[in-house]
C-alpha atoms as a PDB file:
ATOM      1  CA  UNK A   1     -35.349  -3.720 -30.675  1.00  0.00           C
ATOM      2  CA  UNK A   2     -32.201  -2.848 -32.612  1.00  0.00           C
ATOM      3  CA  UNK A   3     -31.753   0.353 -30.566  1.00  0.00           C
ATOM      4  CA  UNK A   4     -32.080  -1.609 -27.334  1.00  0.00           C
ATOM      5  CA  UNK A   5     -29.396  -4.048 -28.487  1.00  0.00           C
ATOM      6  CA  UNK A   6     -27.025  -1.165 -29.327  1.00  0.00           C
ATOM      7  CA  UNK A   7     -27.702   0.422 -25.954  1.00  0.00           C
ATOM      8  CA  UNK A   8     -26.892  -2.867 -24.158  1.00  0.00           C
ATOM      9  CA  UNK A   9     -23.647  -3.242 -26.128  1.00  0.00           C
ATOM     10  CA  UNK A  10     -22.617   0.342 -25.321  1.00  0.00           C
ATOM     11  CA  UNK A  11     -23.320  -0.150 -21.619  1.00  0.00           C
ATOM     12  CA  UNK A  12     -21.361  -3.407 -21.561  1.00  0.00           C
ATOM     13  CA  UNK A  13     -18.381  -1.828 -23.359  1.00  0.00           C
ATOM     14  CA  UNK A  14     -18.415   1.163 -21.022  1.00  0.00           C
ATOM     15  CA  UNK A  15     -18.431  -1.099 -17.959  1.00  0.00           C
ATOM     16  CA  UNK A  16     -15.704  -3.263 -19.463  1.00  0.00           C
ATOM     17  CA  UNK A  17     -13.532  -0.267 -20.373  1.00  0.00           C
ATOM     18  CA  UNK A  18     -12.770   0.452 -16.727  1.00  0.00           C
ATOM     19  CA  UNK A  19     -10.186  -2.255 -16.214  1.00  0.00           C
ATOM     20  CA  UNK A  20      -9.252  -2.946 -12.635  1.00  0.00           C
ATOM     21  CA  UNK A  21      -6.571  -5.207 -11.246  1.00  0.00           C
ATOM     22  CA  UNK A  22      -6.741  -6.420  -7.658  1.00  0.00           C
ATOM     23  CA  UNK A  23      -4.895  -8.498  -5.075  1.00  0.00           C
ATOM     24  CA  UNK A  24      -5.698  -9.666  -1.574  1.00  0.00           C
ATOM     25  CA  UNK A  25      -2.224 -11.091  -1.017  1.00  0.00           C
ATOM     26  CA  UNK A  26      -0.071  -7.983  -1.370  1.00  0.00           C
ATOM     27  CA  UNK A  27       2.853  -7.392   0.958  1.00  0.00           C
ATOM     28  CA  UNK A  28       3.738  -4.358   3.060  1.00  0.00           C
ATOM     29  CA  UNK A  29       6.901  -4.359   5.171  1.00  0.00           C
ATOM     30  CA  UNK A  30       8.317  -1.804   7.533  1.00  0.00           C
ATOM     31  CA  UNK A  31      11.562  -1.434   9.388  1.00  0.00           C
ATOM     32  CA  UNK A  32      12.407   0.939  12.235  1.00  0.00           C
ATOM     33  CA  UNK A  33      15.657  -0.708  13.303  1.00  0.00           C
ATOM     34  CA  UNK A  34      18.598   1.084  14.867  1.00  0.00           C
ATOM     35  CA  UNK A  35      22.142  -0.327  14.481  1.00  0.00           C
ATOM     36  CA  UNK A  36      23.408  -2.431  17.413  1.00  0.00           C
ATOM     37  CA  UNK A  37      19.910  -3.128  18.748  1.00  0.00           C
ATOM     38  CA  UNK A  38      17.275  -5.783  18.120  1.00  0.00           C
ATOM     39  CA  UNK A  39      15.705  -5.650  14.679  1.00  0.00           C
ATOM     40  CA  UNK A  40      12.388  -3.762  14.578  1.00  0.00           C
ATOM     41  CA  UNK A  41      10.890  -5.165  11.412  1.00  0.00           C
ATOM     42  CA  UNK A  42       7.498  -6.561  10.391  1.00  0.00           C
ATOM     43  CA  UNK A  43       5.681  -7.900   7.348  1.00  0.00           C
ATOM     44  CA  UNK A  44       2.013  -8.136   6.386  1.00  0.00           C
ATOM     45  CA  UNK A  45       1.166 -10.561   3.552  1.00  0.00           C
ATOM     46  CA  UNK A  46      -2.593 -10.083   3.355  1.00  0.00           C
ATOM     47  CA  UNK A  47      -2.894  -6.564   1.974  1.00  0.00           C
ATOM     48  CA  UNK A  48      -5.691  -5.695  -0.443  1.00  0.00           C
ATOM     49  CA  UNK A  49      -4.789  -3.382  -3.333  1.00  0.00           C
ATOM     50  CA  UNK A  50      -6.561  -2.266  -6.506  1.00  0.00           C
ATOM     51  CA  UNK A  51      -5.530  -0.243  -9.537  1.00  0.00           C
ATOM     52  CA  UNK A  52      -7.780   1.258 -12.188  1.00  0.00           C
ATOM     53  CA  UNK A  53      -5.755   1.078 -15.411  1.00  0.00           C
ATOM     54  CA  UNK A  54      -7.985   3.624 -17.143  1.00  0.00           C
ATOM     55  CA  UNK A  55      -6.990   6.532 -14.913  1.00  0.00           C
ATOM     56  CA  UNK A  56      -4.095   5.349 -12.690  1.00  0.00           C
ATOM     57  CA  UNK A  57      -6.070   5.494  -9.448  1.00  0.00           C
ATOM     58  CA  UNK A  58      -4.700   3.165  -6.789  1.00  0.00           C
ATOM     59  CA  UNK A  59      -5.859   2.144  -3.313  1.00  0.00           C
ATOM     60  CA  UNK A  60      -4.565  -0.243  -0.650  1.00  0.00           C
ATOM     61  CA  UNK A  61      -5.985  -1.502   2.644  1.00  0.00           C
ATOM     62  CA  UNK A  62      -3.890  -3.020   5.435  1.00  0.00           C
ATOM     63  CA  UNK A  63      -5.237  -4.642   8.589  1.00  0.00           C
ATOM     64  CA  UNK A  64      -2.714  -3.506  11.187  1.00  0.00           C
ATOM     65  CA  UNK A  65      -2.927  -6.684  13.277  1.00  0.00           C
ATOM     66  CA  UNK A  66      -1.665  -8.574  10.215  1.00  0.00           C
ATOM     67  CA  UNK A  67       1.920  -7.357  10.734  1.00  0.00           C
ATOM     68  CA  UNK A  68       4.167 -10.183  11.884  1.00  0.00           C
ATOM     69  CA  UNK A  69       7.409  -9.718  13.796  1.00  0.00           C
ATOM     70  CA  UNK A  70      10.121 -12.267  14.623  1.00  0.00           C
ATOM     71  CA  UNK A  71       9.525 -11.545  18.297  1.00  0.00           C
ATOM     72  CA  UNK A  72       5.970 -12.148  19.612  1.00  0.00           C
ATOM     73  CA  UNK A  73       6.443  -9.678  22.474  1.00  0.00           C
ATOM     74  CA  UNK A  74       7.473  -6.962  20.010  1.00  0.00           C
ATOM     75  CA  UNK A  75       4.325  -7.709  17.976  1.00  0.00           C
ATOM     76  CA  UNK A  76       2.199  -7.383  21.105  1.00  0.00           C
ATOM     77  CA  UNK A  77       3.829  -4.046  22.038  1.00  0.00           C
ATOM     78  CA  UNK A  78       3.369  -2.778  18.473  1.00  0.00           C
ATOM     79  CA  UNK A  79      -0.358  -3.571  18.491  1.00  0.00           C
ATOM     80  CA  UNK A  80      -1.085  -2.389  22.041  1.00  0.00           C
ATOM     81  CA  UNK A  81       1.253   0.568  22.609  1.00  0.00           C
ATOM     82  CA  UNK A  82       2.294   2.023  19.245  1.00  0.00           C
ATOM     83  CA  UNK A  83      -0.286   1.268  16.545  1.00  0.00           C
ATOM     84  CA  UNK A  84      -3.162   0.834  19.015  1.00  0.00           C
ATOM     85  CA  UNK A  85      -4.653  -1.563  16.485  1.00  0.00           C
ATOM     86  CA  UNK A  86      -7.856  -2.191  18.456  1.00  0.00           C
ATOM     87  CA  UNK A  87      -8.679   1.502  18.143  1.00  0.00           C
ATOM     88  CA  UNK A  88      -7.160   1.943  14.643  1.00  0.00           C
ATOM     89  CA  UNK A  89      -7.508  -1.447  12.928  1.00  0.00           C
ATOM     90  CA  UNK A  90      -6.821  -0.319   9.349  1.00  0.00           C
ATOM     91  CA  UNK A  91      -4.269   1.644   7.398  1.00  0.00           C
ATOM     92  CA  UNK A  92      -5.214   2.925   3.943  1.00  0.00           C
ATOM     93  CA  UNK A  93      -3.605   4.573   0.972  1.00  0.00           C
ATOM     94  CA  UNK A  94      -5.546   6.286  -1.824  1.00  0.00           C
ATOM     95  CA  UNK A  95      -3.700   7.933  -4.639  1.00  0.00           C
ATOM     96  CA  UNK A  96      -3.027   8.382  -8.315  1.00  0.00           C
ATOM     97  CA  UNK A  97      -0.119   7.354 -10.502  1.00  0.00           C
ATOM     98  CA  UNK A  98       1.216  10.264 -12.553  1.00  0.00           C
ATOM     99  CA  UNK A  99       1.047   9.843 -16.349  1.00  0.00           C
ATOM    100  CA  UNK A 100       0.028   6.195 -16.014  1.00  0.00           C
ATOM    101  CA  UNK A 101      -0.359   4.354 -19.327  1.00  0.00           C
ATOM    102  CA  UNK A 102      -1.083   0.619 -19.166  1.00  0.00           C
ATOM    103  CA  UNK A 103       0.016   0.178 -22.798  1.00  0.00           C
ATOM    104  CA  UNK A 104       3.605   1.103 -21.822  1.00  0.00           C
ATOM    105  CA  UNK A 105       3.947  -1.671 -19.233  1.00  0.00           C
ATOM    106  CA  UNK A 106       6.030  -4.093 -21.289  1.00  0.00           C
ATOM    107  CA  UNK A 107       9.165  -3.859 -19.178  1.00  0.00           C
ATOM    108  CA  UNK A 108       9.802  -2.483 -15.708  1.00  0.00           C
ATOM    109  CA  UNK A 109       8.493   1.074 -15.875  1.00  0.00           C
ATOM    110  CA  UNK A 110       9.093   3.789 -13.280  1.00  0.00           C
ATOM    111  CA  UNK A 111       6.267   6.066 -12.230  1.00  0.00           C
ATOM    112  CA  UNK A 112       5.523   8.430  -9.380  1.00  0.00           C
ATOM    113  CA  UNK A 113       2.465   8.093  -7.179  1.00  0.00           C
ATOM    114  CA  UNK A 114       0.977  10.670  -4.847  1.00  0.00           C
ATOM    115  CA  UNK A 115      -1.869  10.275  -2.411  1.00  0.00           C
ATOM    116  CA  UNK A 116      -2.982  10.098   1.203  1.00  0.00           C
ATOM    117  CA  UNK A 117      -1.776   7.546   3.731  1.00  0.00           C
ATOM    118  CA  UNK A 118      -3.916   7.054   6.826  1.00  0.00           C
ATOM    119  CA  UNK A 119      -2.433   5.216   9.810  1.00  0.00           C
ATOM    120  CA  UNK A 120      -3.151   5.441  13.541  1.00  0.00           C
ATOM    121  CA  UNK A 121      -6.026   7.845  12.834  1.00  0.00           C
ATOM    122  CA  UNK A 122      -3.767  10.408  11.113  1.00  0.00           C
ATOM    123  CA  UNK A 123      -3.667  11.187   7.402  1.00  0.00           C
ATOM    124  CA  UNK A 124      -0.555  12.440   5.662  1.00  0.00           C
ATOM    125  CA  UNK A 125      -0.025  13.398   2.035  1.00  0.00           C
ATOM    126  CA  UNK A 126       2.678  11.390   0.257  1.00  0.00           C
ATOM    127  CA  UNK A 127       4.062  13.001  -2.888  1.00  0.00           C
ATOM    128  CA  UNK A 128       6.114  11.666  -5.756  1.00  0.00           C
ATOM    129  CA  UNK A 129       6.807   8.201  -4.340  1.00  0.00           C
ATOM    130  CA  UNK A 130       8.862   6.332  -6.948  1.00  0.00           C
ATOM    131  CA  UNK A 131       7.316   2.990  -7.925  1.00  0.00           C
ATOM    132  CA  UNK A 132       8.169   0.233 -10.399  1.00  0.00           C
ATOM    133  CA  UNK A 133       5.374  -1.362 -12.435  1.00  0.00           C
ATOM    134  CA  UNK A 134       5.540  -4.285 -14.831  1.00  0.00           C
ATOM    135  CA  UNK A 135       2.848  -6.185 -16.693  1.00  0.00           C
ATOM    136  CA  UNK A 136       3.292  -9.905 -17.271  1.00  0.00           C
ATOM    137  CA  UNK A 137       0.338 -11.570 -18.960  1.00  0.00           C
ATOM    138  CA  UNK A 138      -2.729 -10.819 -16.865  1.00  0.00           C
ATOM    139  CA  UNK A 139      -0.694  -9.606 -13.836  1.00  0.00           C
ATOM    140  CA  UNK A 140       0.425  -6.097 -12.956  1.00  0.00           C
ATOM    141  CA  UNK A 141       3.343  -6.054 -10.504  1.00  0.00           C
ATOM    142  CA  UNK A 142       3.734  -2.917  -8.430  1.00  0.00           C
ATOM    143  CA  UNK A 143       6.671  -2.278  -6.049  1.00  0.00           C
ATOM    144  CA  UNK A 144       8.182   0.642  -4.218  1.00  0.00           C
ATOM    145  CA  UNK A 145       9.184   2.130  -0.905  1.00  0.00           C
ATOM    146  CA  UNK A 146       9.057   5.351   1.063  1.00  0.00           C
ATOM    147  CA  UNK A 147      10.015   6.752   4.452  1.00  0.00           C
ATOM    148  CA  UNK A 148       7.528   7.822   7.089  1.00  0.00           C
ATOM    149  CA  UNK A 149       8.052   9.524  10.411  1.00  0.00           C
ATOM    150  CA  UNK A 150       6.459   7.959  13.483  1.00  0.00           C
ATOM    151  CA  UNK A 151       5.623  11.456  14.751  1.00  0.00           C
ATOM    152  CA  UNK A 152       3.605  12.236  11.573  1.00  0.00           C
ATOM    153  CA  UNK A 153       1.164   9.532  12.647  1.00  0.00           C
ATOM    154  CA  UNK A 154       1.115  10.412  16.375  1.00  0.00           C
ATOM    155  CA  UNK A 155       3.123   7.314  17.289  1.00  0.00           C
ATOM    156  CA  UNK A 156       4.723   7.970  20.645  1.00  0.00           C
ATOM    157  CA  UNK A 157       7.981   6.159  21.284  1.00  0.00           C
ATOM    158  CA  UNK A 158       8.668   6.033  25.042  1.00  0.00           C
ATOM    159  CA  UNK A 159      11.932   7.653  26.122  1.00  0.00           C
ATOM    160  CA  UNK A 160      13.155   4.373  27.622  1.00  0.00           C
ATOM    161  CA  UNK A 161      13.234   2.691  24.164  1.00  0.00           C
ATOM    162  CA  UNK A 162      13.698   5.766  21.948  1.00  0.00           C
ATOM    163  CA  UNK A 163      17.348   4.885  21.267  1.00  0.00           C
ATOM    164  CA  UNK A 164      16.299   1.393  20.076  1.00  0.00           C
ATOM    165  CA  UNK A 165      13.532   2.383  17.623  1.00  0.00           C
ATOM    166  CA  UNK A 166      14.084   4.687  14.658  1.00  0.00           C
ATOM    167  CA  UNK A 167      11.858   7.734  14.140  1.00  0.00           C
ATOM    168  CA  UNK A 168      12.312   7.236  10.361  1.00  0.00           C
ATOM    169  CA  UNK A 169      10.405   4.162   9.261  1.00  0.00           C
ATOM    170  CA  UNK A 170      11.260   2.506   5.955  1.00  0.00           C
ATOM    171  CA  UNK A 171       8.101   1.135   4.326  1.00  0.00           C
ATOM    172  CA  UNK A 172       8.174  -1.136   1.271  1.00  0.00           C
ATOM    173  CA  UNK A 173       5.359  -2.719  -0.699  1.00  0.00           C
ATOM    174  CA  UNK A 174       4.888  -5.369  -3.359  1.00  0.00           C
ATOM    175  CA  UNK A 175       1.587  -6.097  -5.096  1.00  0.00           C
ATOM    176  CA  UNK A 176       0.906  -8.624  -7.831  1.00  0.00           C
ATOM    177  CA  UNK A 177      -2.562  -7.695  -9.086  1.00  0.00           C
ATOM    178  CA  UNK A 178      -4.798  -9.731 -11.351  1.00  0.00           C
ATOM    179  CA  UNK A 179      -7.516  -8.463 -13.682  1.00  0.00           C
ATOM    180  CA  UNK A 180     -10.821  -8.211 -11.867  1.00  0.00           C
END
């Protein structure tokens, strides 16, 4: 009986040792604006993200139709013509934070993350994206940004509007994750 009790304690500690933090209200923004033309900018405030603090693995899931624009027609064009969100409803990122150590998250700490971003059915490796991570109580805050090229994800910008939409897309993210 004593051995069984020790086995149960070991299993519980092992399960508990993998600490994960999660959010379902993360934010991802992108901007593909060109000076002197209408702003091409959107935000999605219902992004799911999870981090495993034991090994620095990180993943995020974005439902593409969740991006909101100031202009409803622009949102419709984005979903139908560019992102083709009925055919490609999700964007994902899976990666790992280099040299991640949860015990060092007292103040804003800079790390690099590398991984694979999948959008519009295409996957591209992102390397050494600079991120800022802080830990406040039971929350881990995770922010950063990177640039992506529309062509890397087979996004075709029609010639008629190519001067109004940037090929370089600035993507930013902000996640406030709570212990699972």
